[in-house]
N, C-alpha and C. Protein backbone atom coordinates (compact mmCIF):
# COMPACT_ATOMS: atom_id res chain seq x y z
N UNK A 1 20.61 11.86 9.37
CA UNK A 1 21.33 10.63 8.72
C UNK A 1 22.28 9.85 9.87
N UNK A 2 22.58 10.93 10.68
CA UNK A 2 23.63 10.33 11.94
C UNK A 2 22.82 9.42 12.85
N UNK A 3 21.45 9.69 13.07
CA UNK A 3 20.66 8.75 13.86
C UNK A 3 20.24 7.45 13.14
N UNK A 4 19.86 7.43 11.68
CA UNK A 4 19.66 6.37 11.06
C UNK A 4 20.90 5.67 10.86
N UNK A 5 22.20 6.27 10.80
CA UNK A 5 23.31 5.19 10.85
C UNK A 5 23.65 4.69 11.97
N UNK A 6 23.65 5.61 13.22
CA UNK A 6 23.46 4.76 14.44
C UNK A 6 22.52 3.71 14.71
N UNK A 7 21.37 3.92 14.16
CA UNK A 7 20.27 2.93 14.39
C UNK A 7 20.68 1.28 13.95
N UNK A 8 21.34 1.62 12.44
CA UNK A 8 21.58 0.46 11.60
C UNK A 8 22.73 -0.05 12.32
N UNK A 9 23.66 0.48 13.51
CA UNK A 9 24.60 -0.22 13.68
C UNK A 9 24.51 -0.95 15.09
N UNK A 10 23.19 -0.64 15.49
CA UNK A 10 23.13 -0.79 17.06
C UNK A 10 22.38 -2.09 17.24
N UNK A 11 22.34 -2.64 18.32
CA UNK A 11 21.49 -3.64 18.81
C UNK A 11 19.96 -3.25 18.87
N UNK A 12 19.16 -4.13 18.52
CA UNK A 12 17.56 -3.64 18.34
C UNK A 12 17.35 -2.75 19.53
N UNK A 13 17.60 -2.98 20.71
CA UNK A 13 17.15 -2.35 21.90
C UNK A 13 17.55 -1.14 21.76
N UNK A 14 18.72 -0.94 21.58
CA UNK A 14 19.68 0.45 21.41
C UNK A 14 19.18 1.49 20.57
N UNK A 15 18.70 0.60 19.28
CA UNK A 15 18.04 1.45 18.28
C UNK A 15 16.61 2.13 18.64
N UNK A 16 16.11 1.13 19.31
CA UNK A 16 14.66 1.57 19.79
C UNK A 16 14.89 3.09 20.69
N UNK A 17 15.90 3.14 21.49
CA UNK A 17 16.03 4.13 22.56
C UNK A 17 16.47 5.17 21.59
N UNK A 18 17.46 5.29 20.38
CA UNK A 18 17.62 6.02 19.83
C UNK A 18 16.43 6.60 18.85
N UNK A 19 15.58 5.88 18.78
CA UNK A 19 14.21 6.58 17.96
C UNK A 19 13.55 7.28 18.74
N UNK A 20 13.50 6.59 19.97
CA UNK A 20 12.73 7.37 21.01
C UNK A 20 13.26 8.93 21.50
N UNK A 21 14.75 8.93 21.39
CA UNK A 21 15.38 10.17 21.58
C UNK A 21 15.12 10.87 20.46
N UNK A 22 15.06 10.56 19.00
CA UNK A 22 14.75 11.13 18.02
C UNK A 22 13.27 12.09 18.16
N UNK A 23 12.45 11.19 18.62
CA UNK A 23 10.91 11.81 18.53
C UNK A 23 10.78 12.89 19.87
N UNK A 24 11.51 12.46 21.00
CA UNK A 24 11.65 13.54 22.19
C UNK A 24 12.38 14.97 21.55
N UNK A 25 13.20 14.74 20.84
CA UNK A 25 13.89 15.93 20.37
C UNK A 25 13.27 16.55 19.14
N UNK A 26 11.96 15.98 18.82
CA UNK A 26 11.17 16.76 17.62
C UNK A 26 11.91 16.18 16.29
N UNK A 27 12.79 15.28 16.13
CA UNK A 27 13.32 14.95 15.02
C UNK A 27 12.47 13.83 14.47
N UNK A 28 11.57 13.96 13.05
CA UNK A 28 10.91 13.07 12.82
C UNK A 28 11.47 12.01 12.04
N UNK A 29 11.14 10.86 12.51
CA UNK A 29 12.11 9.65 11.69
C UNK A 29 11.34 9.51 10.22
N UNK A 30 12.17 8.86 9.66
CA UNK A 30 11.59 8.77 7.74
C UNK A 30 11.86 7.41 7.48
N UNK A 31 11.52 6.81 6.23
CA UNK A 31 11.40 5.56 5.57
C UNK A 31 12.75 4.99 6.08
N UNK A 32 13.84 5.53 5.97
CA UNK A 32 15.05 5.10 6.32
C UNK A 32 15.32 4.74 7.57
N UNK A 33 14.70 5.68 8.39
CA UNK A 33 15.00 5.70 10.00
C UNK A 33 14.12 4.00 10.03
N UNK A 34 13.13 3.97 9.69
CA UNK A 34 12.36 2.51 10.17
C UNK A 34 12.78 1.18 9.35
N UNK A 35 13.31 1.81 8.05
CA UNK A 35 13.84 0.23 7.69
C UNK A 35 15.53 -0.19 8.43
N UNK A 36 16.07 1.11 9.13
CA UNK A 36 17.09 0.55 10.00
C UNK A 36 16.93 -0.05 11.19
N UNK A 37 15.51 0.28 11.96
CA UNK A 37 15.23 -0.11 13.34
C UNK A 37 14.66 -1.41 12.68
N UNK A 38 14.13 -1.70 11.99
CA UNK A 38 13.32 -2.97 11.63
C UNK A 38 14.57 -3.90 11.17
N UNK A 39 15.55 -3.42 10.44
CA UNK A 39 16.69 -4.37 10.32
C UNK A 39 17.25 -4.61 11.56
N UNK A 40 17.32 -3.81 12.39
CA UNK A 40 18.13 -3.98 13.63
C UNK A 40 17.28 -5.26 14.31
N UNK A 41 16.11 -5.12 14.42
CA UNK A 41 15.17 -6.30 14.81
C UNK A 41 15.29 -7.15 14.38
N UNK A 42 15.64 -7.39 12.92
CA UNK A 42 15.64 -8.73 12.33
C UNK A 42 17.14 -9.48 12.67
N UNK A 43 18.27 -8.25 12.86
CA UNK A 43 19.51 -9.00 13.50
C UNK A 43 19.48 -9.63 14.72
N UNK A 44 18.46 -9.05 15.50
CA UNK A 44 18.22 -9.38 16.98
C UNK A 44 16.99 -10.63 16.97
N UNK A 45 16.69 -11.06 15.87
CA UNK A 45 15.60 -12.00 15.98
C UNK A 45 14.36 -11.48 16.79
N UNK A 46 13.85 -10.34 16.64
CA UNK A 46 12.98 -9.87 17.18
C UNK A 46 11.75 -9.16 16.34
N UNK A 47 11.06 -10.31 16.07
CA UNK A 47 10.09 -10.02 15.11
C UNK A 47 9.02 -9.41 15.28
N UNK A 48 8.41 -9.50 16.91
CA UNK A 48 7.61 -8.68 17.14
C UNK A 48 7.69 -7.26 17.06
N UNK A 49 8.91 -6.91 17.76
CA UNK A 49 9.37 -5.47 17.53
C UNK A 49 9.56 -5.16 16.17
N UNK A 50 9.85 -5.69 15.11
CA UNK A 50 10.07 -5.37 13.97
C UNK A 50 8.58 -5.00 13.30
N UNK A 51 7.73 -5.94 13.83
CA UNK A 51 6.31 -5.59 13.48
C UNK A 51 5.49 -4.51 13.80
N UNK A 52 6.13 -4.42 15.22
CA UNK A 52 5.52 -3.05 16.02
C UNK A 52 5.88 -1.97 15.32
N UNK A 53 7.28 -1.90 14.86
CA UNK A 53 7.91 -0.81 14.32
C UNK A 53 7.11 -0.57 12.76
N UNK A 54 6.87 -1.57 12.10
CA UNK A 54 6.11 -1.39 10.79
C UNK A 54 4.95 -0.55 10.97
N UNK A 55 4.25 -1.28 11.98
CA UNK A 55 2.86 -0.84 12.36
C UNK A 55 2.72 0.64 12.66
N UNK A 56 3.87 1.14 13.65
CA UNK A 56 4.16 2.52 13.89
C UNK A 56 4.29 3.49 12.59
N UNK A 57 5.01 2.95 11.63
CA UNK A 57 4.84 3.83 10.29
C UNK A 57 3.64 4.45 9.90
N UNK A 58 2.46 3.54 9.88
CA UNK A 58 1.18 4.15 9.37
C UNK A 58 0.84 5.17 9.95
N UNK A 59 1.07 5.22 11.51
CA UNK A 59 0.65 6.13 12.50
C UNK A 59 1.32 7.80 11.93
N UNK A 60 2.43 7.55 11.58
CA UNK A 60 3.15 8.55 10.95
C UNK A 60 2.84 8.99 9.54
N UNK A 61 1.99 8.51 9.07
CA UNK A 61 1.89 8.33 7.40
C UNK A 61 2.95 7.85 6.55
N UNK A 62 3.96 7.13 6.88
CA UNK A 62 4.81 6.50 6.13
C UNK A 62 4.48 5.27 5.15
N UNK A 63 4.72 5.44 4.20
CA UNK A 63 4.34 4.22 3.37
C UNK A 63 5.66 3.19 3.24
N UNK A 64 5.55 2.04 3.58
CA UNK A 64 6.81 1.00 3.55
C UNK A 64 7.23 1.13 1.81
N UNK A 65 8.43 0.63 1.57
CA UNK A 65 8.91 0.72 0.45
C UNK A 65 9.25 -0.82 0.22
N UNK A 66 9.91 -1.13 -0.92
CA UNK A 66 10.48 -2.43 -1.10
C UNK A 66 11.38 -2.94 0.01
N UNK A 67 12.39 -1.87 0.43
CA UNK A 67 13.60 -2.44 1.61
C UNK A 67 12.51 -2.60 2.70
N UNK A 68 11.74 -1.76 3.22
CA UNK A 68 10.96 -2.29 4.28
C UNK A 68 10.35 -3.74 4.35
N UNK A 69 9.59 -3.93 3.01
CA UNK A 69 9.02 -4.99 3.25
C UNK A 69 10.02 -6.35 3.03
N UNK A 70 11.21 -5.96 2.39
CA UNK A 70 12.11 -7.11 2.44
C UNK A 70 12.72 -7.36 3.68
N UNK A 71 12.92 -6.30 4.36
CA UNK A 71 13.61 -6.62 5.76
C UNK A 71 12.80 -7.06 6.49
N UNK A 72 11.40 -6.66 6.71
CA UNK A 72 10.46 -7.33 7.68
C UNK A 72 9.87 -8.60 7.25
N UNK A 73 10.22 -8.96 6.09
CA UNK A 73 9.91 -10.35 5.43
C UNK A 73 11.34 -11.44 6.09
N UNK A 74 12.60 -10.74 5.83
CA UNK A 74 13.39 -11.72 6.35
C UNK A 74 13.38 -11.98 7.92
N UNK A 75 12.78 -10.71 8.91
CA UNK A 75 12.93 -11.03 10.08
C UNK A 75 11.74 -11.98 10.55
N UNK A 76 10.58 -12.36 9.84
CA UNK A 76 9.51 -13.21 10.00
C UNK A 76 10.08 -14.21 9.81
N UNK A 77 10.82 -14.35 8.82
CA UNK A 77 11.62 -15.67 8.03
C UNK A 77 12.28 -16.59 8.91
N UNK A 78 13.41 -15.38 9.30
CA UNK A 78 14.10 -16.09 10.34
C UNK A 78 13.66 -16.40 11.63
N UNK A 79 12.59 -16.22 11.84
CA UNK A 79 11.79 -16.90 13.28
C UNK A 79 11.15 -17.64 13.02
N UNK A 80 10.90 -18.11 11.32
CA UNK A 80 9.83 -19.30 11.27
C UNK A 80 8.25 -18.57 11.40
N UNK A 81 8.05 -17.25 11.29
CA UNK A 81 6.75 -16.84 11.29
C UNK A 81 6.20 -16.71 9.80
N UNK A 82 6.01 -17.95 9.43
CA UNK A 82 5.39 -18.10 8.00
C UNK A 82 4.12 -17.49 7.77
N UNK A 83 3.30 -17.78 8.63
CA UNK A 83 1.84 -17.12 8.50
C UNK A 83 1.97 -15.44 8.44
N UNK A 84 2.45 -14.98 9.25
CA UNK A 84 2.58 -13.46 9.40
C UNK A 84 3.17 -13.03 7.93
N UNK A 85 4.35 -13.68 7.59
CA UNK A 85 5.08 -13.44 6.47
C UNK A 85 4.21 -13.35 5.24
N UNK A 86 3.29 -14.71 5.06
CA UNK A 86 2.21 -14.90 4.21
C UNK A 86 1.14 -13.48 4.08
N UNK A 87 0.83 -13.33 5.28
CA UNK A 87 -0.08 -12.21 5.64
C UNK A 87 0.43 -10.73 5.30
N UNK A 88 1.65 -10.42 5.22
CA UNK A 88 2.13 -9.37 4.81
C UNK A 88 2.32 -9.23 3.47
N UNK A 89 2.48 -10.40 2.90
CA UNK A 89 2.63 -10.27 1.24
C UNK A 89 0.96 -10.34 0.63
N UNK A 90 0.19 -10.50 1.29
CA UNK A 90 -0.93 -10.31 0.86
C UNK A 90 -1.57 -8.94 0.93
N UNK A 91 -1.38 -8.20 1.99
CA UNK A 91 -1.48 -7.01 2.37
C UNK A 91 -0.76 -5.92 1.19
N UNK A 92 0.60 -6.27 1.08
CA UNK A 92 1.36 -5.76 -0.04
C UNK A 92 0.72 -5.91 -1.61
N UNK A 93 0.24 -7.22 -1.81
CA UNK A 93 -0.31 -7.17 -2.89
C UNK A 93 -1.84 -6.34 -3.43
N UNK A 94 -2.48 -6.07 -2.11
CA UNK A 94 -3.45 -5.28 -2.02
C UNK A 94 -3.14 -4.12 -2.19
N UNK A 95 -2.36 -3.62 -1.91
CA UNK A 95 -2.16 -2.02 -1.94
C UNK A 95 -1.31 -1.41 -3.21
């Protein structure tokens, strides 16, 4: 919980560092962790990083929830990435 709160409060790059620290200490990130880091990327207008973290979730067998999708869509929309946002919506409809 402490890591998740810290990631939410950080600049996206510091949040990414905290995520790496979690993994180095064998603390498994969960959906809340990824929602926090994607949200930090949204605040920093780092849509590519947000997408990368979203893709990392599948490697950990974490299924995105409504919060994940909403935050990621907001990050894409905020950077004018309408095609990527549309593609994400299509993927979510197929699941």
